[in-house]
C-alpha atoms as a PDB file:
ATOM      1  CA  MET A   1     -45.000 108.628  44.012  1.00  0.00           C
ATOM      2  CA  LYS A   2     -43.577 112.009  44.744  1.00  0.00           C
ATOM      3  CA  VAL A   3     -41.716 113.053  47.883  1.00  0.00           C
ATOM      4  CA  SER A   4     -39.822 116.213  48.717  1.00  0.00           C
ATOM      5  CA  LEU A   5     -37.656 117.691  51.451  1.00  0.00           C
ATOM      6  CA  ASN A   6     -37.316 121.299  52.534  1.00  0.00           C
ATOM      7  CA  TYR A   7     -34.264 122.066  54.636  1.00  0.00           C
ATOM      8  CA  LEU A   8     -35.190 123.864  57.865  1.00  0.00           C
ATOM      9  CA  GLY A   9     -31.635 124.241  59.180  1.00  0.00           C
ATOM     10  CA  ASP A  10     -29.916 122.506  62.095  1.00  0.00           C
ATOM     11  CA  LYS A  11     -30.032 119.092  60.309  1.00  0.00           C
ATOM     12  CA  LYS A  12     -33.844 119.186  60.073  1.00  0.00           C
ATOM     13  CA  PHE A  13     -36.013 118.713  57.019  1.00  0.00           C
ATOM     14  CA  GLU A  14     -39.711 118.903  56.390  1.00  0.00           C
ATOM     15  CA  ALA A  15     -40.564 115.778  54.406  1.00  0.00           C
ATOM     16  CA  LYS A  16     -43.659 115.973  52.204  1.00  0.00           C
ATOM     17  CA  THR A  17     -45.546 113.218  50.445  1.00  0.00           C
ATOM     18  CA  SER A  18     -48.775 113.395  48.492  1.00  0.00           C
ATOM     19  CA  LYS A  19     -50.640 112.431  51.688  1.00  0.00           C
ATOM     20  CA  SER A  20     -48.876 114.126  54.578  1.00  0.00           C
ATOM     21  CA  SER A  21     -45.721 115.721  55.936  1.00  0.00           C
ATOM     22  CA  PHE A  22     -43.392 115.239  58.884  1.00  0.00           C
ATOM     23  CA  ILE A  23     -40.186 116.638  60.302  1.00  0.00           C
ATOM     24  CA  MET A  24     -36.977 114.640  59.884  1.00  0.00           C
ATOM     25  CA  ASP A  25     -34.490 115.599  62.567  1.00  0.00           C
ATOM     26  CA  ALA A  26     -31.198 113.927  61.638  1.00  0.00           C
ATOM     27  CA  LYS A  27     -29.775 114.704  65.083  1.00  0.00           C
ATOM     28  CA  GLU A  28     -32.493 112.468  66.577  1.00  0.00           C
ATOM     29  CA  ILE A  29     -33.117 109.854  63.868  1.00  0.00           C
ATOM     30  CA  THR A  30     -30.745 109.508  60.932  1.00  0.00           C
ATOM     31  CA  PRO A  31     -32.021 108.985  57.377  1.00  0.00           C
ATOM     32  CA  VAL A  32     -30.582 105.449  57.533  1.00  0.00           C
ATOM     33  CA  GLU A  33     -32.676 104.750  60.633  1.00  0.00           C
ATOM     34  CA  TYR A  34     -35.772 106.100  58.860  1.00  0.00           C
ATOM     35  CA  PHE A  35     -34.936 103.794  55.952  1.00  0.00           C
ATOM     36  CA  ALA A  36     -34.557 100.791  58.287  1.00  0.00           C
ATOM     37  CA  ALA A  37     -37.839 101.628  60.034  1.00  0.00           C
ATOM     38  CA  GLY A  38     -39.502 101.880  56.617  1.00  0.00           C
ATOM     39  CA  ILE A  39     -38.281  98.406  55.700  1.00  0.00           C
ATOM     40  CA  ILE A  40     -39.719  96.724  58.778  1.00  0.00           C
ATOM     41  CA  GLY A  41     -42.770  98.983  58.761  1.00  0.00           C
ATOM     42  CA  CYS A  42     -43.651  97.852  55.258  1.00  0.00           C
ATOM     43  CA  THR A  43     -43.476  94.156  56.038  1.00  0.00           C
ATOM     44  CA  GLY A  44     -45.060  94.748  59.443  1.00  0.00           C
ATOM     45  CA  ILE A  45     -48.104  96.371  57.917  1.00  0.00           C
ATOM     46  CA  ASP A  46     -48.457  93.486  55.444  1.00  0.00           C
ATOM     47  CA  LEU A  47     -48.900  90.934  58.247  1.00  0.00           C
ATOM     48  CA  ALA A  48     -51.677  92.977  59.846  1.00  0.00           C
ATOM     49  CA  VAL A  49     -53.431  93.491  56.494  1.00  0.00           C
ATOM     50  CA  PHE A  50     -53.217  89.802  55.482  1.00  0.00           C
ATOM     51  CA  ALA A  51     -54.586  88.615  58.832  1.00  0.00           C
ATOM     52  CA  GLU A  52     -57.373  91.205  58.795  1.00  0.00           C
ATOM     53  CA  LYS A  53     -58.291  90.197  55.237  1.00  0.00           C
ATOM     54  CA  ASP A  54     -58.743  86.626  56.507  1.00  0.00           C
ATOM     55  CA  GLY A  55     -60.830  87.819  59.462  1.00  0.00           C
ATOM     56  CA  TYR A  56     -58.128  87.434  62.144  1.00  0.00           C
ATOM     57  CA  GLU A  57     -56.830  89.867  64.718  1.00  0.00           C
ATOM     58  CA  ILE A  58     -53.112  90.137  65.469  1.00  0.00           C
ATOM     59  CA  LYS A  59     -52.269  90.691  69.152  1.00  0.00           C
ATOM     60  CA  ASN A  60     -49.108  91.586  71.078  1.00  0.00           C
ATOM     61  CA  TYR A  61     -47.371  92.364  67.807  1.00  0.00           C
ATOM     62  CA  SER A  62     -43.878  93.761  67.368  1.00  0.00           C
ATOM     63  CA  VAL A  63     -41.327  93.803  64.570  1.00  0.00           C
ATOM     64  CA  GLU A  64     -37.627  94.530  65.035  1.00  0.00           C
ATOM     65  CA  ALA A  65     -34.514  94.249  62.927  1.00  0.00           C
ATOM     66  CA  ASP A  66     -30.851  93.567  63.491  1.00  0.00           C
ATOM     67  CA  ILE A  67     -28.939  95.178  60.648  1.00  0.00           C
ATOM     68  CA  VAL A  68     -25.275  94.681  59.833  1.00  0.00           C
ATOM     69  CA  ARG A  69     -23.722  97.406  57.727  1.00  0.00           C
ATOM     70  CA  GLN A  70     -20.657  97.043  55.548  1.00  0.00           C
ATOM     71  CA  LEU A  71     -17.461  98.477  57.012  1.00  0.00           C
ATOM     72  CA  ALA A  72     -16.519 100.708  54.062  1.00  0.00           C
ATOM     73  CA  VAL A  73     -18.110 103.858  52.671  1.00  0.00           C
ATOM     74  CA  PRO A  74     -21.005 104.061  51.851  1.00  0.00           C
ATOM     75  CA  TYR A  75     -21.690 101.603  54.734  1.00  0.00           C
ATOM     76  CA  LYS A  76     -24.464  99.828  52.859  1.00  0.00           C
ATOM     77  CA  PHE A  77     -26.619  97.237  54.559  1.00  0.00           C
ATOM     78  CA  GLY A  78     -24.927  93.834  54.356  1.00  0.00           C
ATOM     79  CA  SER A  79     -27.648  91.850  56.099  1.00  0.00           C
ATOM     80  CA  ILE A  80     -30.946  92.345  57.850  1.00  0.00           C
ATOM     81  CA  HIS A  81     -32.550  89.935  60.299  1.00  0.00           C
ATOM     82  CA  ILE A  82     -36.231  90.767  60.854  1.00  0.00           C
ATOM     83  CA  ILE A  83     -37.855  89.406  64.012  1.00  0.00           C
ATOM     84  CA  TYR A  84     -41.644  89.145  64.150  1.00  0.00           C
ATOM     85  CA  LYS A  85     -43.411  88.461  67.450  1.00  0.00           C
ATOM     86  CA  PHE A  86     -47.181  88.161  67.493  1.00  0.00           C
ATOM     87  CA  GLU A  87     -50.193  86.161  68.589  1.00  0.00           C
ATOM     88  CA  GLY A  88     -53.272  85.123  66.666  1.00  0.00           C
ATOM     89  CA  ASP A  89     -56.090  82.589  66.515  1.00  0.00           C
ATOM     90  CA  PHE A  90     -54.801  80.798  63.409  1.00  0.00           C
ATOM     91  CA  ASP A  91     -52.251  78.061  62.735  1.00  0.00           C
ATOM     92  CA  GLU A  92     -48.473  78.284  62.373  1.00  0.00           C
ATOM     93  CA  LEU A  93     -48.536  77.590  58.640  1.00  0.00           C
ATOM     94  CA  LYS A  94     -50.803  80.589  58.047  1.00  0.00           C
ATOM     95  CA  ALA A  95     -48.570  82.747  60.281  1.00  0.00           C
ATOM     96  CA  LYS A  96     -45.517  81.797  58.227  1.00  0.00           C
ATOM     97  CA  ARG A  97     -47.384  82.312  54.956  1.00  0.00           C
ATOM     98  CA  TYR A  98     -48.340  85.826  55.978  1.00  0.00           C
ATOM     99  CA  ILE A  99     -44.702  86.701  56.674  1.00  0.00           C
ATOM    100  CA  LEU A 100     -43.311  85.066  53.545  1.00  0.00           C
ATOM    101  CA  SER A 101     -45.985  86.593  51.328  1.00  0.00           C
ATOM    102  CA  SER A 102     -44.746  89.957  52.499  1.00  0.00           C
ATOM    103  CA  LEU A 103     -41.025  89.194  52.267  1.00  0.00           C
ATOM    104  CA  GLU A 104     -41.114  87.355  48.938  1.00  0.00           C
ATOM    105  CA  SER A 105     -43.809  89.285  47.073  1.00  0.00           C
ATOM    106  CA  TYR A 106     -45.626  92.236  48.544  1.00  0.00           C
ATOM    107  CA  CYS A 107     -43.293  94.398  50.655  1.00  0.00           C
ATOM    108  CA  THR A 108     -41.822  96.999  48.307  1.00  0.00           C
ATOM    109  CA  THR A 109     -38.964  97.996  50.596  1.00  0.00           C
ATOM    110  CA  VAL A 110     -37.711  94.447  51.258  1.00  0.00           C
ATOM    111  CA  ASN A 111     -38.053  93.588  47.598  1.00  0.00           C
ATOM    112  CA  SER A 112     -36.084  96.729  46.702  1.00  0.00           C
ATOM    113  CA  ILE A 113     -33.047  95.614  48.725  1.00  0.00           C
ATOM    114  CA  ARG A 114     -33.122  91.819  48.510  1.00  0.00           C
ATOM    115  CA  ASP A 115     -30.791  91.636  45.498  1.00  0.00           C
ATOM    116  CA  SER A 116     -27.976  93.237  47.469  1.00  0.00           C
ATOM    117  CA  VAL A 117     -28.780  92.523  51.124  1.00  0.00           C
ATOM    118  CA  LYS A 118     -28.994  89.148  52.852  1.00  0.00           C
ATOM    119  CA  VAL A 119     -32.506  88.983  54.345  1.00  0.00           C
ATOM    120  CA  GLU A 120     -33.291  86.588  57.192  1.00  0.00           C
ATOM    121  CA  TYR A 121     -36.332  86.341  59.440  1.00  0.00           C
ATOM    122  CA  THR A 122     -37.404  84.856  62.747  1.00  0.00           C
ATOM    123  CA  ILE A 123     -41.043  84.310  63.687  1.00  0.00           C
ATOM    124  CA  VAL A 124     -42.219  83.957  67.279  1.00  0.00           C
ATOM    125  CA  PHE A 125     -45.909  83.050  67.048  1.00  0.00           C
ATOM    126  CA  ASN A 126     -48.055  82.522  70.132  1.00  0.00           C
ATOM    127  CA  GLY A 127     -44.890  82.378  72.237  1.00  0.00           C
ATOM    128  CA  LYS A 128     -43.230  79.672  70.116  1.00  0.00           C
ATOM    129  CA  THR A 129     -40.366  80.186  67.657  1.00  0.00           C
ATOM    130  CA  ILE A 130     -41.655  78.742  64.377  1.00  0.00           C
ATOM    131  CA  ALA A 131     -38.824  80.068  62.181  1.00  0.00           C
ATOM    132  CA  ASP A 132     -35.346  81.016  63.334  1.00  0.00           C
ATOM    133  CA  LYS A 133     -32.976  83.026  61.118  1.00  0.00           C
ATOM    134  CA  GLU A 134     -34.368  81.555  57.916  1.00  0.00           C
ATOM    135  CA  GLY A 135     -33.447  83.208  54.631  1.00  0.00           C
ATOM    136  CA  ILE A 136     -35.823  84.272  51.908  1.00  0.00           C
ATOM    137  CA  VAL A 137     -35.605  82.230  48.716  1.00  0.00           C
ATOM    138  CA  SER A 138     -35.714  85.141  46.299  1.00  0.00           C
ATOM    139  CA  GLY A 139     -32.977  87.611  45.592  1.00  0.00           C
ATOM    140  CA  ASN A 140     -29.935  87.969  43.388  1.00  0.00           C
ATOM    141  CA  GLY A 141     -32.151  88.974  40.487  1.00  0.00           C
ATOM    142  CA  LYS A 142     -34.275  85.816  40.634  1.00  0.00           C
ATOM    143  CA  ILE A 143     -38.005  86.102  40.098  1.00  0.00           C
ATOM    144  CA  LEU A 144     -39.958  83.291  41.666  1.00  0.00           C
ATOM    145  CA  GLU A 145     -43.610  82.511  41.228  1.00  0.00           C
ATOM    146  CA  LEU A 146     -44.678  80.420  44.198  1.00  0.00           C
ATOM    147  CA  GLU A 147     -48.262  79.941  45.301  1.00  0.00           C
ATOM    148  CA  ASP A 148     -49.372  81.020  48.771  1.00  0.00           C
ATOM    149  CA  GLY A 149     -53.055  81.791  48.453  1.00  0.00           C
ATOM    150  CA  PHE A 150     -52.280  85.516  48.058  1.00  0.00           C
ATOM    151  CA  GLY A 151     -50.965  85.167  44.506  1.00  0.00           C
ATOM    152  CA  GLY A 152     -47.378  85.603  45.693  1.00  0.00           C
ATOM    153  CA  ALA A 153     -44.822  83.537  47.578  1.00  0.00           C
ATOM    154  CA  CYS A 154     -45.268  80.401  49.615  1.00  0.00           C
ATOM    155  CA  CYS A 155     -43.650  78.765  52.531  1.00  0.00           C
ATOM    156  CA  SER A 156     -43.103  75.159  53.417  1.00  0.00           C
END
């Protein structure tokens, strides 16, 4: 992967990837906010892909995060609580498996921070809270191999 930035002045950059480009305006959205959006975007996309792969459609879907930053420079993320809200024509176990497969195995951004950031999640599926502020089991340098049907992590 290769990315680059060209400074345009006035706290704006043109960001380029191998596929596209976009303008980062740090007066509007800070790089830390882009980073946070990338974290939940990564895991958010996973849920949609997993469901689609199984022939299901996700409806009324949103992902949000509450992030607590440390109080000293460099103000690193101390914890992140990711809240998933969605509907689908499948059972709660499958809904939780989709989320945990992403968080424990597939989402690059979450898996890049989990050794240093406390990661919790809440799942509201078909209007019912099926997980509330649960923590992921991996992290702190541990590598787990749990079965979930996707070749990654599992939930119970």
